[in-house]
PDB file of N, CA and C in Angstrom:
ATOM      1  N   MET A   1     124.045-195.286  90.612  1.00  0.00           N
ATOM      2  CA  MET A   1     122.811-196.037  90.616  1.00  0.00           C
ATOM      3  C   MET A   1     122.053-195.763  91.908  1.00  0.00           C
ATOM      4  N   ARG A   2     120.776-195.451  91.816  1.00  0.00           N
ATOM      5  CA  ARG A   2     119.944-195.208  92.985  1.00  0.00           C
ATOM      6  C   ARG A   2     119.402-196.541  93.487  1.00  0.00           C
ATOM      7  N   ILE A   3     119.338-196.690  94.811  1.00  0.00           N
ATOM      8  CA  ILE A   3     118.804-197.911  95.407  1.00  0.00           C
ATOM      9  C   ILE A   3     117.316-198.035  95.092  1.00  0.00           C
ATOM     10  N   LEU A   4     116.574-196.937  95.264  1.00  0.00           N
ATOM     11  CA  LEU A   4     115.143-196.922  94.991  1.00  0.00           C
ATOM     12  C   LEU A   4     114.769-195.499  94.637  1.00  0.00           C
ATOM     13  N   GLN A   5     114.120-195.318  93.526  1.00  0.00           N
ATOM     14  CA  GLN A   5     113.700-193.980  93.147  1.00  0.00           C
ATOM     15  C   GLN A   5     112.262-193.806  93.596  1.00  0.00           C
ATOM     16  N   LEU A   6     112.048-192.974  94.617  1.00  0.00           N
ATOM     17  CA  LEU A   6     110.726-192.820  95.194  1.00  0.00           C
ATOM     18  C   LEU A   6     109.730-192.203  94.230  1.00  0.00           C
ATOM     19  N   HIS A   7     110.192-191.371  93.314  1.00  0.00           N
ATOM     20  CA  HIS A   7     109.268-190.743  92.382  1.00  0.00           C
ATOM     21  C   HIS A   7     108.699-191.753  91.390  1.00  0.00           C
ATOM     22  N   SER A   8     109.328-192.882  91.235  1.00  0.00           N
ATOM     23  CA  SER A   8     108.872-193.924  90.318  1.00  0.00           C
ATOM     24  C   SER A   8     107.895-194.843  91.054  1.00  0.00           C
ATOM     25  N   ASN A   9     106.618-194.778  90.675  1.00  0.00           N
ATOM     26  CA  ASN A   9     105.579-195.597  91.301  1.00  0.00           C
ATOM     27  C   ASN A   9     105.510-195.394  92.812  1.00  0.00           C
ATOM     28  N   PHE A  10     105.681-194.160  93.250  1.00  0.00           N
ATOM     29  CA  PHE A  10     105.729-193.890  94.679  1.00  0.00           C
ATOM     30  C   PHE A  10     104.438-194.288  95.381  1.00  0.00           C
ATOM     31  N   LEU A  11     103.306-194.105  94.738  1.00  0.00           N
ATOM     32  CA  LEU A  11     102.025-194.468  95.358  1.00  0.00           C
ATOM     33  C   LEU A  11     101.946-195.964  95.645  1.00  0.00           C
ATOM     34  N   GLU A  12     102.640-196.751  94.865  1.00  0.00           N
ATOM     35  CA  GLU A  12     102.677-198.199  95.076  1.00  0.00           C
ATOM     36  C   GLU A  12     103.236-198.534  96.458  1.00  0.00           C
ATOM     37  N   TYR A  13     104.081-197.677  96.995  1.00  0.00           N
ATOM     38  CA  TYR A  13     104.730-197.915  98.285  1.00  0.00           C
ATOM     39  C   TYR A  13     104.000-197.245  99.446  1.00  0.00           C
ATOM     40  N   GLU A  14     102.855-196.646  99.195  1.00  0.00           N
ATOM     41  CA  GLU A  14     102.138-195.928 100.252  1.00  0.00           C
ATOM     42  C   GLU A  14     101.831-196.803 101.471  1.00  0.00           C
ATOM     43  N   PRO A  15     101.418-198.068 101.321  1.00  0.00           N
ATOM     44  CA  PRO A  15     101.194-198.882 102.524  1.00  0.00           C
ATOM     45  C   PRO A  15     102.459-199.060 103.370  1.00  0.00           C
ATOM     46  N   VAL A  16     103.594-199.178 102.721  1.00  0.00           N
ATOM     47  CA  VAL A  16     104.858-199.313 103.442  1.00  0.00           C
ATOM     48  C   VAL A  16     105.180-198.007 104.165  1.00  0.00           C
ATOM     49  N   ARG A  17     105.035-196.905 103.485  1.00  0.00           N
ATOM     50  CA  ARG A  17     105.301-195.599 104.085  1.00  0.00           C
ATOM     51  C   ARG A  17     104.381-195.350 105.275  1.00  0.00           C
ATOM     52  N   LYS A  18     103.126-195.725 105.134  1.00  0.00           N
ATOM     53  CA  LYS A  18     102.155-195.537 106.212  1.00  0.00           C
ATOM     54  C   LYS A  18     102.559-196.343 107.450  1.00  0.00           C
ATOM     55  N   GLU A  19     103.006-197.571 107.255  1.00  0.00           N
ATOM     56  CA  GLU A  19     103.441-198.416 108.364  1.00  0.00           C
ATOM     57  C   GLU A  19     104.703-197.858 109.019  1.00  0.00           C
ATOM     58  N   ILE A  20     105.633-197.377 108.226  1.00  0.00           N
ATOM     59  CA  ILE A  20     106.853-196.785 108.775  1.00  0.00           C
ATOM     60  C   ILE A  20     106.491-195.564 109.620  1.00  0.00           C
ATOM     61  N   LYS A  21     105.594-194.729 109.137  1.00  0.00           N
ATOM     62  CA  LYS A  21     105.178-193.553 109.908  1.00  0.00           C
ATOM     63  C   LYS A  21     104.517-193.967 111.224  1.00  0.00           C
ATOM     64  N   ARG A  22     103.721-195.019 111.193  1.00  0.00           N
ATOM     65  CA  ARG A  22     103.071-195.519 112.412  1.00  0.00           C
ATOM     66  C   ARG A  22     104.132-195.951 113.430  1.00  0.00           C
ATOM     67  N   LEU A  23     105.152-196.647 112.953  1.00  0.00           N
ATOM     68  CA  LEU A  23     106.233-197.081 113.845  1.00  0.00           C
ATOM     69  C   LEU A  23     107.034-195.891 114.360  1.00  0.00           C
ATOM     70  N   PHE A  24     107.239-194.885 113.532  1.00  0.00           N
ATOM     71  CA  PHE A  24     107.952-193.680 113.959  1.00  0.00           C
ATOM     72  C   PHE A  24     107.196-192.960 115.080  1.00  0.00           C
ATOM     73  N   ASP A  25     105.864-193.014 115.037  1.00  0.00           N
ATOM     74  CA  ASP A  25     105.075-192.377 116.094  1.00  0.00           C
ATOM     75  C   ASP A  25     105.403-192.975 117.458  1.00  0.00           C
ATOM     76  N   LYS A  26     105.735-194.249 117.494  1.00  0.00           N
ATOM     77  CA  LYS A  26     106.040-194.947 118.747  1.00  0.00           C
ATOM     78  C   LYS A  26     107.509-194.817 119.153  1.00  0.00           C
ATOM     79  N   ALA A  27     108.370-194.497 118.216  1.00  0.00           N
ATOM     80  CA  ALA A  27     109.818-194.477 118.459  1.00  0.00           C
ATOM     81  C   ALA A  27     110.260-193.173 119.113  1.00  0.00           C
ATOM     82  N   THR A  28     111.280-193.266 119.968  1.00  0.00           N
ATOM     83  CA  THR A  28     111.850-192.060 120.561  1.00  0.00           C
ATOM     84  C   THR A  28     113.172-191.690 119.895  1.00  0.00           C
ATOM     85  N   ARG A  29     113.810-192.658 119.227  1.00  0.00           N
ATOM     86  CA  ARG A  29     115.106-192.427 118.573  1.00  0.00           C
ATOM     87  C   ARG A  29     115.185-193.181 117.256  1.00  0.00           C
ATOM     88  N   MET A  30     116.140-192.748 116.454  1.00  0.00           N
ATOM     89  CA  MET A  30     116.392-193.414 115.184  1.00  0.00           C
ATOM     90  C   MET A  30     117.890-193.629 115.034  1.00  0.00           C
ATOM     91  N   GLY A  31     118.284-194.877 114.859  1.00  0.00           N
ATOM     92  CA  GLY A  31     119.662-195.200 114.546  1.00  0.00           C
ATOM     93  C   GLY A  31     119.762-195.470 113.057  1.00  0.00           C
ATOM     94  N   VAL A  32     120.686-194.799 112.402  1.00  0.00           N
ATOM     95  CA  VAL A  32     120.875-194.974 110.963  1.00  0.00           C
ATOM     96  C   VAL A  32     122.208-195.683 110.751  1.00  0.00           C
ATOM     97  N   LEU A  33     122.153-196.924 110.288  1.00  0.00           N
ATOM     98  CA  LEU A  33     123.370-197.682 110.012  1.00  0.00           C
ATOM     99  C   LEU A  33     123.841-197.345 108.604  1.00  0.00           C
ATOM    100  N   ILE A  34     125.087-196.939 108.481  1.00  0.00           N
ATOM    101  CA  ILE A  34     125.626-196.427 107.221  1.00  0.00           C
ATOM    102  C   ILE A  34     126.563-197.439 106.587  1.00  0.00           C
ATOM    103  N   GLY A  35     126.183-197.884 105.396  1.00  0.00           N
ATOM    104  CA  GLY A  35     127.040-198.737 104.581  1.00  0.00           C
ATOM    105  C   GLY A  35     127.584-197.926 103.419  1.00  0.00           C
ATOM    106  N   ASN A  36     128.284-198.576 102.527  1.00  0.00           N
ATOM    107  CA  ASN A  36     128.934-197.859 101.426  1.00  0.00           C
ATOM    108  C   ASN A  36     127.965-197.211 100.442  1.00  0.00           C
ATOM    109  N   SER A  37     126.732-197.704 100.345  1.00  0.00           N
ATOM    110  CA  SER A  37     125.792-197.106  99.389  1.00  0.00           C
ATOM    111  C   SER A  37     124.565-196.499 100.064  1.00  0.00           C
ATOM    112  N   THR A  38     124.565-196.392 101.373  1.00  0.00           N
ATOM    113  CA  THR A  38     123.411-195.835 102.086  1.00  0.00           C
ATOM    114  C   THR A  38     123.074-194.432 101.598  1.00  0.00           C
ATOM    115  N   HIS A  39     124.094-193.632 101.325  1.00  0.00           N
ATOM    116  CA  HIS A  39     123.865-192.243 100.901  1.00  0.00           C
ATOM    117  C   HIS A  39     123.127-192.152  99.564  1.00  0.00           C
ATOM    118  N   LEU A  40     123.029-193.244  98.832  1.00  0.00           N
ATOM    119  CA  LEU A  40     122.332-193.250  97.544  1.00  0.00           C
ATOM    120  C   LEU A  40     120.848-193.603  97.674  1.00  0.00           C
ATOM    121  N   SER A  41     120.425-194.010  98.846  1.00  0.00           N
ATOM    122  CA  SER A  41     119.071-194.519  99.026  1.00  0.00           C
ATOM    123  C   SER A  41     118.048-193.417  99.267  1.00  0.00           C
ATOM    124  N   ASP A  42     117.092-193.302  98.372  1.00  0.00           N
ATOM    125  CA  ASP A  42     115.990-192.363  98.557  1.00  0.00           C
ATOM    126  C   ASP A  42     115.135-192.770  99.755  1.00  0.00           C
ATOM    127  N   TRP A  43     115.019-194.057  99.985  1.00  0.00           N
ATOM    128  CA  TRP A  43     114.248-194.535 101.139  1.00  0.00           C
ATOM    129  C   TRP A  43     114.877-194.049 102.429  1.00  0.00           C
ATOM    130  N   VAL A  44     116.170-194.184 102.584  1.00  0.00           N
ATOM    131  CA  VAL A  44     116.853-193.737 103.805  1.00  0.00           C
ATOM    132  C   VAL A  44     116.648-192.233 103.973  1.00  0.00           C
ATOM    133  N   ASP A  45     116.812-191.480 102.905  1.00  0.00           N
ATOM    134  CA  ASP A  45     116.606-190.042 102.944  1.00  0.00           C
ATOM    135  C   ASP A  45     115.183-189.723 103.415  1.00  0.00           C
ATOM    136  N   TRP A  46     114.190-190.391 102.832  1.00  0.00           N
ATOM    137  CA  TRP A  46     112.791-190.173 103.212  1.00  0.00           C
ATOM    138  C   TRP A  46     112.568-190.535 104.680  1.00  0.00           C
ATOM    139  N   GLU A  47     113.118-191.656 105.138  1.00  0.00           N
ATOM    140  CA  GLU A  47     112.934-192.077 106.536  1.00  0.00           C
ATOM    141  C   GLU A  47     113.526-191.057 107.509  1.00  0.00           C
ATOM    142  N   ILE A  48     114.728-190.564 107.236  1.00  0.00           N
ATOM    143  CA  ILE A  48     115.369-189.588 108.119  1.00  0.00           C
ATOM    144  C   ILE A  48     114.533-188.319 108.186  1.00  0.00           C
ATOM    145  N   ARG A  49     114.157-187.798 107.032  1.00  0.00           N
ATOM    146  CA  ARG A  49     113.378-186.551 106.995  1.00  0.00           C
ATOM    147  C   ARG A  49     112.012-186.724 107.662  1.00  0.00           C
ATOM    148  N   THR A  50     111.361-187.852 107.421  1.00  0.00           N
ATOM    149  CA  THR A  50     110.046-188.107 107.999  1.00  0.00           C
ATOM    150  C   THR A  50     110.127-188.227 109.513  1.00  0.00           C
ATOM    151  N   PHE A  51     111.106-188.991 110.019  1.00  0.00           N
ATOM    152  CA  PHE A  51     111.275-189.142 111.455  1.00  0.00           C
ATOM    153  C   PHE A  51     111.554-187.773 112.091  1.00  0.00           C
ATOM    154  N   TYR A  52     112.468-187.031 111.501  1.00  0.00           N
ATOM    155  CA  TYR A  52     112.834-185.717 112.034  1.00  0.00           C
ATOM    156  C   TYR A  52     111.612-184.801 112.098  1.00  0.00           C
ATOM    157  N   ASP A  53     110.854-184.740 111.012  1.00  0.00           N
ATOM    158  CA  ASP A  53     109.676-183.875 110.969  1.00  0.00           C
ATOM    159  C   ASP A  53     108.632-184.286 112.002  1.00  0.00           C
ATOM    160  N   LYS A  54     108.468-185.592 112.233  1.00  0.00           N
ATOM    161  CA  LYS A  54     107.509-186.067 113.231  1.00  0.00           C
ATOM    162  C   LYS A  54     107.934-185.691 114.641  1.00  0.00           C
ATOM    163  N   LYS A  55     109.227-185.632 114.909  1.00  0.00           N
ATOM    164  CA  LYS A  55     109.714-185.405 116.267  1.00  0.00           C
ATOM    165  C   LYS A  55     110.062-183.946 116.563  1.00  0.00           C
ATOM    166  N   LYS A  56     110.157-183.104 115.543  1.00  0.00           N
ATOM    167  CA  LYS A  56     110.649-181.745 115.783  1.00  0.00           C
ATOM    168  C   LYS A  56     109.703-180.887 116.632  1.00  0.00           C
ATOM    169  N   ARG A  57     108.459-181.262 116.752  1.00  0.00           N
ATOM    170  CA  ARG A  57     107.549-180.476 117.588  1.00  0.00           C
ATOM    171  C   ARG A  57     107.601-180.897 119.063  1.00  0.00           C
ATOM    172  N   LEU A  58     108.400-181.923 119.385  1.00  0.00           N
ATOM    173  CA  LEU A  58     108.556-182.358 120.770  1.00  0.00           C
ATOM    174  C   LEU A  58     109.559-181.450 121.485  1.00  0.00           C
ATOM    175  N   PRO A  59     109.498-181.378 122.827  1.00  0.00           N
ATOM    176  CA  PRO A  59     110.346-180.429 123.550  1.00  0.00           C
ATOM    177  C   PRO A  59     111.855-180.689 123.492  1.00  0.00           C
ATOM    178  N   VAL A  60     112.267-181.940 123.375  1.00  0.00           N
ATOM    179  CA  VAL A  60     113.703-182.255 123.333  1.00  0.00           C
ATOM    180  C   VAL A  60     114.217-181.984 121.922  1.00  0.00           C
ATOM    181  N   LYS A  61     115.437-181.463 121.824  1.00  0.00           N
ATOM    182  CA  LYS A  61     116.013-181.211 120.497  1.00  0.00           C
ATOM    183  C   LYS A  61     115.936-182.461 119.632  1.00  0.00           C
ATOM    184  N   THR A  62     115.358-182.312 118.461  1.00  0.00           N
ATOM    185  CA  THR A  62     115.148-183.451 117.582  1.00  0.00           C
ATOM    186  C   THR A  62     116.450-184.106 117.169  1.00  0.00           C
ATOM    187  N   ARG A  63     117.494-183.324 116.944  1.00  0.00           N
ATOM    188  CA  ARG A  63     118.742-183.908 116.470  1.00  0.00           C
ATOM    189  C   ARG A  63     119.352-184.862 117.494  1.00  0.00           C
ATOM    190  N   LYS A  64     118.962-184.732 118.775  1.00  0.00           N
ATOM    191  CA  LYS A  64     119.441-185.668 119.789  1.00  0.00           C
ATOM    192  C   LYS A  64     118.803-187.046 119.602  1.00  0.00           C
ATOM    193  N   ARG A  65     117.788-187.122 118.783  1.00  0.00           N
ATOM    194  CA  ARG A  65     117.041-188.359 118.595  1.00  0.00           C
ATOM    195  C   ARG A  65     117.554-189.209 117.430  1.00  0.00           C
ATOM    196  N   ILE A  66     118.425-188.663 116.609  1.00  0.00           N
ATOM    197  CA  ILE A  66     118.916-189.389 115.440  1.00  0.00           C
ATOM    198  C   ILE A  66     120.426-189.555 115.561  1.00  0.00           C
ATOM    199  N   ARG A  67     120.890-190.779 115.354  1.00  0.00           N
ATOM    200  CA  ARG A  67     122.329-191.065 115.442  1.00  0.00           C
ATOM    201  C   ARG A  67     122.724-191.948 114.270  1.00  0.00           C
ATOM    202  N   ALA A  68     123.788-191.579 113.591  1.00  0.00           N
ATOM    203  CA  ALA A  68     124.300-192.365 112.469  1.00  0.00           C
ATOM    204  C   ALA A  68     125.555-193.108 112.894  1.00  0.00           C
ATOM    205  N   MET A  69     125.652-194.354 112.469  1.00  0.00           N
ATOM    206  CA  MET A  69     126.826-195.177 112.775  1.00  0.00           C
ATOM    207  C   MET A  69     127.261-195.904 111.511  1.00  0.00           C
ATOM    208  N   LYS A  70     128.540-195.751 111.173  1.00  0.00           N
ATOM    209  CA  LYS A  70     129.079-196.476 110.019  1.00  0.00           C
ATOM    210  C   LYS A  70     129.278-197.938 110.384  1.00  0.00           C
ATOM    211  N   LEU A  71     128.882-198.813 109.484  1.00  0.00           N
ATOM    212  CA  LEU A  71     129.063-200.241 109.700  1.00  0.00           C
ATOM    213  C   LEU A  71     130.552-200.596 109.682  1.00  0.00           C
ATOM    214  N   LYS A  72     130.881-201.677 110.321  1.00  0.00           N
ATOM    215  CA  LYS A  72     132.262-202.162 110.351  1.00  0.00           C
ATOM    216  C   LYS A  72     132.741-202.372 108.912  1.00  0.00           C
ATOM    217  N   GLY A  73     133.901-201.849 108.590  1.00  0.00           N
ATOM    218  CA  GLY A  73     134.444-201.969 107.241  1.00  0.00           C
ATOM    219  C   GLY A  73     133.983-200.870 106.295  1.00  0.00           C
ATOM    220  N   CYS A  74     133.152-199.955 106.772  1.00  0.00           N
ATOM    221  CA  CYS A  74     132.630-198.870 105.924  1.00  0.00           C
ATOM    222  C   CYS A  74     133.054-197.497 106.450  1.00  0.00           C
ATOM    223  N   GLU A  75     134.244-197.427 106.989  1.00  0.00           N
ATOM    224  CA  GLU A  75     134.724-196.205 107.619  1.00  0.00           C
ATOM    225  C   GLU A  75     134.778-195.006 106.669  1.00  0.00           C
ATOM    226  N   SER A  76     134.922-195.253 105.385  1.00  0.00           N
ATOM    227  CA  SER A  76     134.983-194.142 104.428  1.00  0.00           C
ATOM    228  C   SER A  76     133.638-193.898 103.731  1.00  0.00           C
ATOM    229  N   ALA A  77     132.582-194.547 104.201  1.00  0.00           N
ATOM    230  CA  ALA A  77     131.259-194.369 103.588  1.00  0.00           C
ATOM    231  C   ALA A  77     130.772-192.934 103.767  1.00  0.00           C
ATOM    232  N   ARG A  78     130.008-192.470 102.804  1.00  0.00           N
ATOM    233  CA  ARG A  78     129.420-191.129 102.870  1.00  0.00           C
ATOM    234  C   ARG A  78     128.109-191.187 103.633  1.00  0.00           C
ATOM    235  N   PHE A  79     127.775-190.100 104.304  1.00  0.00           N
ATOM    236  CA  PHE A  79     126.517-190.018 105.033  1.00  0.00           C
ATOM    237  C   PHE A  79     125.419-189.478 104.121  1.00  0.00           C
ATOM    238  N   PRO A  80     124.183-189.935 104.309  1.00  0.00           N
ATOM    239  CA  PRO A  80     123.067-189.377 103.536  1.00  0.00           C
ATOM    240  C   PRO A  80     122.941-187.876 103.813  1.00  0.00           C
ATOM    241  N   SER A  81     122.633-187.117 102.797  1.00  0.00           N
ATOM    242  CA  SER A  81     122.526-185.667 102.963  1.00  0.00           C
ATOM    243  C   SER A  81     121.426-185.284 103.946  1.00  0.00           C
ATOM    244  N   ALA A  82     120.421-186.123 104.093  1.00  0.00           N
ATOM    245  CA  ALA A  82     119.319-185.825 105.018  1.00  0.00           C
ATOM    246  C   ALA A  82     119.786-185.752 106.469  1.00  0.00           C
ATOM    247  N   LEU A  83     120.949-186.319 106.785  1.00  0.00           N
ATOM    248  CA  LEU A  83     121.456-186.262 108.161  1.00  0.00           C
ATOM    249  C   LEU A  83     122.023-184.896 108.527  1.00  0.00           C
ATOM    250  N   THR A  84     122.367-184.099 107.540  1.00  0.00           N
ATOM    251  CA  THR A  84     122.971-182.793 107.796  1.00  0.00           C
ATOM    252  C   THR A  84     122.038-181.939 108.656  1.00  0.00           C
ATOM    253  N   GLY A  85     122.509-181.597 109.839  1.00  0.00           N
ATOM    254  CA  GLY A  85     121.726-180.783 110.761  1.00  0.00           C
ATOM    255  C   GLY A  85     120.617-181.545 111.475  1.00  0.00           C
ATOM    256  N   ARG A  86     120.492-182.831 111.215  1.00  0.00           N
ATOM    257  CA  ARG A  86     119.422-183.615 111.819  1.00  0.00           C
ATOM    258  C   ARG A  86     119.939-184.737 112.722  1.00  0.00           C
ATOM    259  N   SER A  87     121.225-184.830 112.891  1.00  0.00           N
ATOM    260  CA  SER A  87     121.811-185.953 113.619  1.00  0.00           C
ATOM    261  C   SER A  87     122.857-185.482 114.613  1.00  0.00           C
ATOM    262  N   THR A  88     123.036-186.279 115.664  1.00  0.00           N
ATOM    263  CA  THR A  88     124.151-186.043 116.559  1.00  0.00           C
ATOM    264  C   THR A  88     125.429-186.400 115.819  1.00  0.00           C
ATOM    265  N   ARG A  89     126.549-186.261 116.475  1.00  0.00           N
ATOM    266  CA  ARG A  89     127.837-186.591 115.866  1.00  0.00           C
ATOM    267  C   ARG A  89     127.812-188.026 115.364  1.00  0.00           C
ATOM    268  N   PRO A  90     128.027-188.238 114.069  1.00  0.00           N
ATOM    269  CA  PRO A  90     128.081-189.607 113.535  1.00  0.00           C
ATOM    270  C   PRO A  90     129.275-190.347 114.132  1.00  0.00           C
ATOM    271  N   MET A  91     129.189-191.656 114.174  1.00  0.00           N
ATOM    272  CA  MET A  91     130.290-192.429 114.742  1.00  0.00           C
ATOM    273  C   MET A  91     130.618-193.638 113.894  1.00  0.00           C
ATOM    274  N   ASN A  92     131.834-194.115 114.062  1.00  0.00           N
ATOM    275  CA  ASN A  92     132.237-195.358 113.428  1.00  0.00           C
ATOM    276  C   ASN A  92     131.671-196.522 114.230  1.00  0.00           C
ATOM    277  N   TRP A  93     131.767-197.706 113.694  1.00  0.00           N
ATOM    278  CA  TRP A  93     131.193-198.900 114.298  1.00  0.00           C
ATOM    279  C   TRP A  93     131.627-199.049 115.758  1.00  0.00           C
ATOM    280  N   ASP A  94     130.649-198.969 116.651  1.00  0.00           N
ATOM    281  CA  ASP A  94     130.904-199.112 118.074  1.00  0.00           C
ATOM    282  C   ASP A  94     129.583-199.465 118.759  1.00  0.00           C
ATOM    283  N   PRO A  95     129.201-200.753 118.748  1.00  0.00           N
ATOM    284  CA  PRO A  95     127.918-201.161 119.327  1.00  0.00           C
ATOM    285  C   PRO A  95     127.759-200.787 120.798  1.00  0.00           C
ATOM    286  N   ILE A  96     128.842-200.761 121.549  1.00  0.00           N
ATOM    287  CA  ILE A  96     128.750-200.386 122.965  1.00  0.00           C
ATOM    288  C   ILE A  96     128.342-198.924 123.100  1.00  0.00           C
ATOM    289  N   GLU A  97     128.949-198.061 122.281  1.00  0.00           N
ATOM    290  CA  GLU A  97     128.592-196.636 122.302  1.00  0.00           C
ATOM    291  C   GLU A  97     127.150-196.440 121.828  1.00  0.00           C
ATOM    292  N   LEU A  98     126.718-197.195 120.837  1.00  0.00           N
ATOM    293  CA  LEU A  98     125.341-197.094 120.367  1.00  0.00           C
ATOM    294  C   LEU A  98     124.374-197.482 121.486  1.00  0.00           C
ATOM    295  N   ASN A  99     124.652-198.560 122.196  1.00  0.00           N
ATOM    296  CA  ASN A  99     123.810-198.964 123.323  1.00  0.00           C
ATOM    297  C   ASN A  99     123.777-197.886 124.399  1.00  0.00           C
ATOM    298  N   ARG A 100     124.916-197.286 124.674  1.00  0.00           N
ATOM    299  CA  ARG A 100     124.990-196.208 125.665  1.00  0.00           C
ATOM    300  C   ARG A 100     124.081-195.047 125.248  1.00  0.00           C
ATOM    301  N   TRP A 101     124.141-194.690 123.975  1.00  0.00           N
ATOM    302  CA  TRP A 101     123.305-193.604 123.460  1.00  0.00           C
ATOM    303  C   TRP A 101     121.834-193.969 123.569  1.00  0.00           C
ATOM    304  N   LEU A 102     121.491-195.204 123.238  1.00  0.00           N
ATOM    305  CA  LEU A 102     120.089-195.633 123.317  1.00  0.00           C
ATOM    306  C   LEU A 102     119.564-195.607 124.760  1.00  0.00           C
ATOM    307  N   ASP A 103     120.444-195.845 125.709  1.00  0.00           N
ATOM    308  CA  ASP A 103     120.045-195.900 127.118  1.00  0.00           C
ATOM    309  C   ASP A 103     120.050-194.539 127.814  1.00  0.00           C
ATOM    310  N   GLU A 104     120.703-193.532 127.221  1.00  0.00           N
ATOM    311  CA  GLU A 104     120.816-192.250 127.929  1.00  0.00           C
ATOM    312  C   GLU A 104     119.497-191.504 127.920  1.00  0.00           C
ATOM    313  N   ASN A 105     119.352-190.618 128.891  1.00  0.00           N
ATOM    314  CA  ASN A 105     118.156-189.809 129.052  1.00  0.00           C
ATOM    315  C   ASN A 105     118.150-188.720 127.978  1.00  0.00           C
ATOM    316  N   LEU A 106     117.082-188.651 127.207  1.00  0.00           N
ATOM    317  CA  LEU A 106     116.996-187.636 126.151  1.00  0.00           C
ATOM    318  C   LEU A 106     116.967-186.214 126.701  1.00  0.00           C
ATOM    319  N   ASN A 107     116.518-186.052 127.905  1.00  0.00           N
ATOM    320  CA  ASN A 107     116.394-184.717 128.485  1.00  0.00           C
ATOM    321  C   ASN A 107     117.690-184.222 129.129  1.00  0.00           C
ATOM    322  N   ALA A 108     118.710-185.073 129.113  1.00  0.00           N
ATOM    323  CA  ALA A 108     119.971-184.689 129.777  1.00  0.00           C
ATOM    324  C   ALA A 108     120.742-183.695 128.939  1.00  0.00           C
TER     325      ALA A 108
END
C-alpha cells in the first residue's frame, strides 16, 4: 500500500509542494526519520529528490546535507530509494549523534 500516490490529483497538492520548496530554500540540511513504512511514501521520495536537486548546485557536497535516521524500534526498516547516493551514512536511532551532525561545519 502506498502512503500517498503523487500522480493521483498531484496538482491538488501544488500549494503544499510550493511551501515545502520555499522552506527547502532556507534549509541547509535535511534529516529523514525512517519508520517501517517510510520507504513506501511518494511524498518522502519527492522531498528527498527535491531537496537534493535544490542543493546540488551549492559548493559543498550535497550528500553531506542529507542524513537518514531510523526511529527507535525500526532498526530493520527499509530506506527510501531516493536516499541512494544522496545521503550520508544512515544511522540507527541516536539523537545525540543527530544533534552532532546538525551542529558540524558543512565545509569540514
